[in-house]
Amino acid sequence: MAKRRAPDRSQPFVRRAELPELPEGDDAEAFPWNTIAARALHESGLELHPRCTFLVGANGSGKSTILEAIAEAAGLGVRGGGSGFKGNAVDEGEDSLGAALTLVRGARRPRTDFFLRAEGMLGLGDRIEQMIEEAHIGGYSIGDPHAAYGGGPLNAQSHGESFLAIINHRLGPDGLYLLDEPESALSPQSLLALLARMHDLLGEGCQFIVATHSPILLALPNSSIVEVTESGLAEIGYDDVEAVQLTRLVLDDPAAMMRRLLEG
């Protein structure tokens, strides 16, 4: 009997995200179809790196909207958590970019997944505790329910601690992981720890899609950076990222930058 071939971990779970059609008439001018994100996904689609794709752009450019749409299309919902998490469904009657999005899948399927939003950690912690309580009421045996979240309730930890608890304990090999602006929860030191953890997970067959402004995270080797602008989606180099350029200007000569900024 021939040995079963091991899956090629270099292959992505999701190769591309695209929006085949946009509404016509008045509907085309309504949210979310009138956003930069919807137009970009329709006109060019988003090619995803097998390891890690970073989405960058100014506030309001649509990078988080794109990430939310991919999360919903992948079955993760827009509020964060893994597949099947309570409260992940979009409200009934609400137009959904994710429901219209097409994901071009790779040959592999993820063993696990998670959508982690720094701004939604409190709500995520509440939903996890609710799911644990319902499991106990229903008489289900779930072992140590907090083992995947650092050994205790997320809401008993600081914002950054709870974020890193999920990164270090919940995320595992062969997973599809979406992160939305993790730098808003983490110090520079913790961002370096996150980058190192991502590197390890990528070596274990994972794929990341990350919306960020962080020059630290964007330095991750062997990844792609896609800028979201009014003109659409474009892959750019690290040195071309505006956040990198502005950070360098400040760090190279803080006094000169403050004079330019504050004195005109």
Foldseek 3Di string as FASTA:
>chain_A
DDDDDDDDLLAAFFFWKAQCDADDDPRCCDPPNVALLNVQRHPPTDGFHRAEEEEEEDVRLCLLVNLQLCCVLVQNANLKFWHPQPPRDDDPPDDGSNVRMDTDGIPDHAPIEIEAELVRQVVVLVSLVVVVVVCVVVVHDDDQSCQQQQRDGLVVDASLSRRVSNLVRVDDARYEYEYEANVVRDDPVVLLVSLVSSVVNSVRSYHYYYYYLDLSNLPRPPGWYWYRHSVHIDTDDSVPRPSNVVVCVCVVPVVVVCCVVPVD
